[in-house]
Amino acid sequence: MKNLSKSYKAKLLLFGEYTVTLGGSALAVPLPHFSGKWQIGHYSKPYAEKLLDFAVYVAAMENRGFSKKELKAFEQMLHEGLQFKSEIPEGYGLGSSGALVAGFYDTFFTVKQDLQLSELKALLGRMESFFHGKSSGIDPLVSYLDQTVFTRGEDVMVSDTEPLSNPELKYFLIDTGIQRSTSHWVNIFREKMAKDPSFHEAIRRLEKINESIIDALRNNNSKELYAKFRQISEIQYRAFFDFIPEEFRELWKKGINTDRYHLKLCGAGGGGMLLGLTRELEGIKELTFHFDIVQI
């Protein structure tokens, strides 16, 4: 019997949304507030069929660790009520499918090859592509390793540091209450990149700022980190205005005007979570009291 006790955390992409698809740097961390795990529950035919389709897709990739033998065993467990019970909200940019992929690889691959991190990221990305098109593999890699992951081009590194633990600055999430489709907003991004020169230029500026802010974070330079976060917020407010849900635009602009907090997209945009940074978490609650804030 497989060990189904392990949990797989959500992921938070601190920096690099969209620019990572162009080869830019990205930094993602495990988010322990939400997680998922395998369990035996009530059999649901539609749910089991979707998971089986995924398993068939993985088996067709001809991996040594998951072939027809493992597929047959997995199918039997599905009939016994196997499910991935997850608290990670779907369509929120927190890696719900990534956690499932990480759990699948960790639990049901009988052979795990000695892969370089870049190779493991590519393998997990191919697996996750089943759910929403081409995947970078960052989400499942973070969930699988349960470590901070930093990518720069083809290079992939992990770190035991905890970027969210900063005595001077506090990160927080704002729940927009809107479930969105990643592929929908990615398609809009690609169209704007192809047709809008000013948008294209803004993204190139964002790439450079992302490089700087990740370096500031890794060097524990809080002053530079906050200043660069503000620049990201300003650029996204202009270039990604349509990606920001309408009822949150005033709140976003207020942060820029007061410099008491700053907001940025968390994932594809269009809904899900917004990521914030502030020096005074308690002080800003009066400004955002009617929105659901998650301290991280």
Protein backbone atom coordinates (compact mmCIF):
# COMPACT_ATOMS: atom_id res chain seq x y z
CA MET A 1 0.00 0.00 0.00
CA LYS A 2 1.31 3.43 -0.94
CA ASN A 3 2.13 5.92 1.80
CA LEU A 4 -0.56 8.59 1.47
CA SER A 5 0.30 10.58 4.58
CA LYS A 6 2.53 13.23 3.00
CA SER A 7 1.17 16.69 2.22
CA TYR A 8 2.21 18.90 -0.69
CA LYS A 9 2.18 22.64 -0.17
CA ALA A 10 0.91 25.36 -2.43
CA LYS A 11 3.48 27.57 -4.09
CA LEU A 12 3.81 31.33 -4.21
CA LEU A 13 5.63 32.93 -7.13
CA LEU A 14 7.10 35.98 -5.43
CA PHE A 15 8.65 37.44 -8.55
CA GLY A 16 8.71 36.56 -12.23
CA GLU A 17 5.13 36.17 -13.42
CA TYR A 18 5.04 36.32 -17.22
CA THR A 19 8.67 37.41 -17.56
CA VAL A 20 9.75 33.89 -16.60
CA THR A 21 8.09 32.66 -19.82
CA LEU A 22 10.55 34.89 -21.71
CA GLY A 23 13.59 33.41 -19.97
CA GLY A 24 13.68 35.91 -17.11
CA SER A 25 14.46 35.15 -13.48
CA ALA A 26 11.85 33.88 -11.04
CA LEU A 27 11.71 33.06 -7.36
CA ALA A 28 9.01 30.84 -5.86
CA VAL A 29 8.45 29.59 -2.32
CA PRO A 30 6.31 26.93 -0.64
CA LEU A 31 3.14 28.38 0.90
CA PRO A 32 2.18 26.31 3.97
CA HIS A 33 -1.22 27.99 4.34
CA PHE A 34 -2.66 25.63 1.71
CA SER A 35 -1.79 22.03 0.84
CA GLY A 36 -3.09 18.79 -0.64
CA LYS A 37 -2.61 15.06 0.01
CA TRP A 38 -3.75 11.71 -1.30
CA GLN A 39 -6.48 9.90 0.57
CA ILE A 40 -9.03 7.17 0.11
CA GLY A 41 -12.54 8.60 0.08
CA HIS A 42 -15.81 8.13 -1.76
CA TYR A 43 -15.54 6.98 -5.37
CA SER A 44 -16.54 9.63 -7.90
CA LYS A 45 -16.59 8.44 -11.49
CA PRO A 46 -16.04 11.87 -13.18
CA TYR A 47 -13.18 12.71 -10.80
CA ALA A 48 -11.60 9.26 -11.16
CA GLU A 49 -11.85 9.44 -14.95
CA LYS A 50 -10.04 12.78 -15.04
CA LEU A 51 -7.23 11.48 -12.84
CA LEU A 52 -7.02 8.34 -14.94
CA ASP A 53 -6.74 10.43 -18.12
CA PHE A 54 -3.84 12.27 -16.48
CA ALA A 55 -2.18 8.98 -15.49
CA VAL A 56 -2.57 7.61 -19.03
CA TYR A 57 -0.97 10.82 -20.33
CA VAL A 58 1.98 10.39 -17.93
CA ALA A 59 2.40 6.71 -18.82
CA ALA A 60 2.55 7.66 -22.51
CA MET A 61 5.58 9.83 -21.73
CA GLU A 62 7.47 6.53 -21.39
CA ASN A 63 9.03 7.27 -18.04
CA ARG A 64 10.77 4.36 -16.37
CA GLY A 65 9.05 5.10 -13.09
CA PHE A 66 5.47 5.06 -14.33
CA SER A 67 4.53 2.58 -17.04
CA LYS A 68 1.62 0.23 -17.76
CA LYS A 69 2.21 -1.75 -14.56
CA GLU A 70 2.02 1.35 -12.36
CA LEU A 71 -0.91 2.66 -14.40
CA LYS A 72 -2.92 -0.50 -13.70
CA ALA A 73 -2.21 -0.26 -9.97
CA PHE A 74 -3.17 3.43 -9.96
CA GLU A 75 -6.44 2.68 -11.74
CA GLN A 76 -7.28 0.08 -9.10
CA MET A 77 -6.68 2.63 -6.35
CA LEU A 78 -8.99 5.07 -8.12
CA HIS A 79 -11.76 2.45 -8.01
CA GLU A 80 -11.08 2.17 -4.28
CA GLY A 81 -11.78 5.88 -3.88
CA LEU A 82 -8.33 7.42 -4.27
CA GLN A 83 -8.43 11.21 -4.53
CA PHE A 84 -6.15 14.19 -4.08
CA LYS A 85 -7.79 16.15 -1.28
CA SER A 86 -6.64 19.72 -1.65
CA GLU A 87 -7.22 22.97 0.23
CA ILE A 88 -5.41 24.90 -2.51
CA PRO A 89 -7.97 27.08 -4.33
CA GLU A 90 -8.10 26.39 -8.06
CA GLY A 91 -7.66 29.25 -10.50
CA TYR A 92 -5.83 31.37 -7.91
CA GLY A 93 -2.22 31.11 -9.05
CA LEU A 94 -1.17 29.10 -5.99
CA GLY A 95 -0.20 25.91 -7.77
CA SER A 96 -3.16 23.59 -7.21
CA SER A 97 -2.25 21.42 -10.21
CA GLY A 98 1.43 21.67 -9.34
CA ALA A 99 0.83 20.16 -5.90
CA LEU A 100 -1.12 17.29 -7.47
CA VAL A 101 1.67 16.63 -9.98
CA ALA A 102 4.28 16.71 -7.21
CA GLY A 103 2.22 14.28 -5.16
CA PHE A 104 1.70 11.98 -8.13
CA TYR A 105 5.40 11.87 -8.99
CA ASP A 106 6.45 11.40 -5.37
CA THR A 107 3.89 8.71 -4.58
CA PHE A 108 3.32 6.68 -7.73
CA PHE A 109 6.63 6.73 -9.62
CA THR A 110 8.33 3.49 -8.60
CA VAL A 111 11.68 4.59 -10.05
CA LYS A 112 13.03 8.11 -9.71
CA GLN A 113 16.06 8.74 -11.87
CA ASP A 114 18.99 10.78 -10.64
CA LEU A 115 17.98 13.94 -12.45
CA GLN A 116 19.51 17.39 -12.40
CA LEU A 117 17.14 20.03 -11.03
CA SER A 118 16.63 21.46 -14.51
CA GLU A 119 15.74 17.99 -15.81
CA LEU A 120 13.34 17.32 -12.93
CA LYS A 121 11.71 20.72 -13.50
CA ALA A 122 11.28 19.85 -17.20
CA LEU A 123 9.77 16.44 -16.40
CA LEU A 124 7.31 17.85 -13.87
CA GLY A 125 6.47 20.63 -16.32
CA ARG A 126 5.61 18.11 -19.03
CA MET A 127 3.35 16.31 -16.57
CA GLU A 128 1.60 19.51 -15.48
CA SER A 129 1.04 20.52 -19.11
CA PHE A 130 -1.85 18.06 -19.09
CA PHE A 131 -3.88 20.48 -16.98
CA HIS A 132 -3.37 23.89 -18.58
CA GLY A 133 -1.07 23.84 -21.56
CA LYS A 134 2.67 24.44 -21.44
CA SER A 135 4.06 24.57 -17.90
CA SER A 136 7.41 25.88 -16.68
CA GLY A 137 7.53 23.13 -14.04
CA ILE A 138 8.26 25.61 -11.25
CA ASP A 139 5.00 24.96 -9.37
CA PRO A 140 5.35 21.18 -9.00
CA LEU A 141 9.10 21.50 -8.34
CA VAL A 142 8.48 23.81 -5.37
CA SER A 143 5.78 21.51 -4.01
CA TYR A 144 7.90 18.39 -4.50
CA LEU A 145 11.10 19.79 -2.96
CA ASP A 146 9.32 21.91 -0.33
CA GLN A 147 12.05 24.50 -0.80
CA THR A 148 12.55 27.93 -2.29
CA VAL A 149 13.31 27.64 -6.00
CA PHE A 150 15.24 30.26 -7.98
CA THR A 151 15.50 30.13 -11.75
CA ARG A 152 17.54 32.27 -14.10
CA GLY A 153 17.30 31.19 -17.71
CA GLU A 154 18.05 27.46 -17.80
CA ASP A 155 19.65 27.48 -14.35
CA VAL A 156 17.65 26.11 -11.42
CA MET A 157 18.73 26.40 -7.80
CA VAL A 158 17.17 25.71 -4.41
CA SER A 159 17.71 27.50 -1.14
CA ASP A 160 17.04 26.76 2.52
CA THR A 161 16.49 30.46 3.16
CA GLU A 162 13.00 31.72 3.96
CA PRO A 163 12.33 34.84 1.86
CA LEU A 164 9.01 35.45 3.63
CA SER A 165 10.78 35.83 7.00
CA ASN A 166 11.87 39.45 7.02
CA PRO A 167 11.71 41.44 10.29
CA GLU A 168 11.38 44.74 8.44
CA LEU A 169 8.89 43.84 5.70
CA LYS A 170 5.69 41.81 5.69
CA TYR A 171 4.09 40.04 2.75
CA PHE A 172 0.36 39.53 2.55
CA LEU A 173 -2.23 38.16 0.13
CA ILE A 174 -5.56 39.72 -0.79
CA ASP A 175 -8.23 37.32 -1.96
CA THR A 176 -10.10 38.82 -4.92
CA GLY A 177 -12.74 36.11 -4.71
CA ILE A 178 -12.42 35.62 -8.46
CA GLN A 179 -11.50 32.28 -9.98
CA ARG A 180 -9.78 32.79 -13.31
CA SER A 181 -8.38 30.83 -16.22
CA THR A 182 -4.60 30.97 -16.52
CA SER A 183 -4.66 30.17 -20.24
CA HIS A 184 -7.11 33.02 -20.95
CA TRP A 185 -4.82 35.66 -19.45
CA VAL A 186 -1.68 34.11 -20.89
CA ASN A 187 -3.22 34.39 -24.36
CA ILE A 188 -4.02 38.07 -23.74
CA PHE A 189 -0.43 38.61 -22.59
CA ARG A 190 0.96 37.00 -25.74
CA GLU A 191 -1.30 39.06 -27.97
CA LYS A 192 -0.27 42.31 -26.27
CA MET A 193 3.39 41.36 -26.52
CA ALA A 194 2.98 40.80 -30.25
CA LYS A 195 0.91 43.88 -31.06
CA ASP A 196 1.62 46.58 -28.44
CA PRO A 197 5.16 48.06 -28.54
CA SER A 198 4.65 50.02 -25.29
CA PHE A 199 3.53 46.86 -23.49
CA HIS A 200 6.52 44.98 -24.90
CA GLU A 201 8.85 47.70 -23.60
CA ALA A 202 7.19 47.64 -20.15
CA ILE A 203 7.76 43.89 -19.90
CA ARG A 204 11.42 44.30 -20.77
CA ARG A 205 11.75 46.89 -17.98
CA LEU A 206 9.96 44.51 -15.65
CA GLU A 207 12.46 41.77 -16.50
CA LYS A 208 15.35 43.96 -15.32
CA ILE A 209 13.56 45.00 -12.14
CA ASN A 210 12.77 41.36 -11.34
CA GLU A 211 16.48 40.59 -11.60
CA SER A 212 17.26 43.42 -9.19
CA ILE A 213 14.57 42.60 -6.66
CA ILE A 214 15.53 38.93 -6.48
CA ASP A 215 19.14 39.95 -5.87
CA ALA A 216 17.97 42.38 -3.16
CA LEU A 217 15.93 39.65 -1.51
CA ARG A 218 18.78 37.14 -1.60
CA ASN A 219 21.14 39.78 -0.14
CA ASN A 220 18.67 40.78 2.61
CA ASN A 221 18.58 44.36 1.34
CA SER A 222 15.15 45.39 2.64
CA LYS A 223 15.36 49.01 1.49
CA GLU A 224 16.14 48.03 -2.10
CA LEU A 225 13.55 45.24 -2.00
CA TYR A 226 10.77 47.63 -1.01
CA ALA A 227 11.80 50.23 -3.59
CA LYS A 228 11.87 47.65 -6.41
CA PHE A 229 8.55 46.19 -5.29
CA ARG A 230 7.04 49.66 -5.67
CA GLN A 231 8.45 49.90 -9.20
CA ILE A 232 6.87 46.55 -10.09
CA SER A 233 3.56 47.76 -8.69
CA GLU A 234 3.73 50.99 -10.73
CA ILE A 235 4.61 49.22 -13.98
CA GLN A 236 1.93 46.57 -13.51
CA TYR A 237 -0.68 49.21 -12.69
CA ARG A 238 -0.05 50.83 -16.06
CA ALA A 239 0.81 47.88 -18.31
CA PHE A 240 -1.41 45.23 -16.67
CA PHE A 241 -4.34 47.49 -15.83
CA ASP A 242 -6.84 45.14 -17.49
CA PHE A 243 -5.39 42.22 -15.51
CA ILE A 244 -6.31 43.90 -12.21
CA PRO A 245 -9.93 43.25 -11.12
CA GLU A 246 -11.82 46.54 -11.27
CA GLU A 247 -12.78 46.72 -7.59
CA PHE A 248 -9.11 46.47 -6.55
CA ARG A 249 -7.67 49.17 -8.79
CA GLU A 250 -8.33 52.02 -6.34
CA LEU A 251 -6.73 50.02 -3.52
CA TRP A 252 -3.72 49.31 -5.76
CA LYS A 253 -3.35 53.01 -6.65
CA LYS A 254 -3.72 54.05 -3.01
CA GLY A 255 -0.71 51.94 -2.11
CA ILE A 256 1.42 53.67 -4.74
CA ASN A 257 0.25 57.14 -3.65
CA THR A 258 0.80 56.60 0.09
CA ASP A 259 3.84 54.29 -0.14
CA ARG A 260 2.44 52.44 2.91
CA TYR A 261 2.03 49.20 0.97
CA HIS A 262 2.32 47.99 -2.60
CA LEU A 263 0.49 45.35 -4.61
CA LYS A 264 1.45 43.15 -7.54
CA LEU A 265 -0.12 40.33 -9.49
CA CYS A 266 0.16 36.86 -8.04
CA GLY A 267 0.31 34.60 -11.06
CA ALA A 268 -1.60 35.27 -14.27
CA GLY A 269 -3.84 38.04 -12.95
CA GLY A 270 -7.51 38.57 -13.68
CA GLY A 271 -8.45 37.38 -10.19
CA GLY A 272 -7.07 34.90 -7.72
CA MET A 273 -4.72 36.48 -5.18
CA LEU A 274 -2.90 39.78 -5.15
CA LEU A 275 0.48 39.89 -3.41
CA GLY A 276 1.27 42.81 -1.14
CA LEU A 277 4.32 44.11 0.71
CA THR A 278 4.32 46.59 3.58
CA ARG A 279 6.39 47.82 6.51
CA GLU A 280 3.31 48.08 8.76
CA LEU A 281 0.88 45.21 8.37
CA GLU A 282 -1.36 46.21 11.27
CA GLY A 283 -1.43 49.83 10.13
CA ILE A 284 -2.69 49.09 6.63
CA LYS A 285 -5.59 46.92 7.73
CA GLU A 286 -7.64 50.09 8.21
CA LEU A 287 -7.12 50.83 4.51
CA THR A 288 -8.03 47.34 3.34
CA PHE A 289 -10.51 46.28 6.02
CA HIS A 290 -13.26 45.23 3.61
CA PHE A 291 -10.96 42.84 1.73
CA ASP A 292 -9.87 39.41 2.92
CA ILE A 293 -6.17 39.67 3.88
CA VAL A 294 -3.97 36.62 4.46
CA GLN A 295 -0.73 37.34 6.32
CA ILE A 296 2.17 35.22 5.08
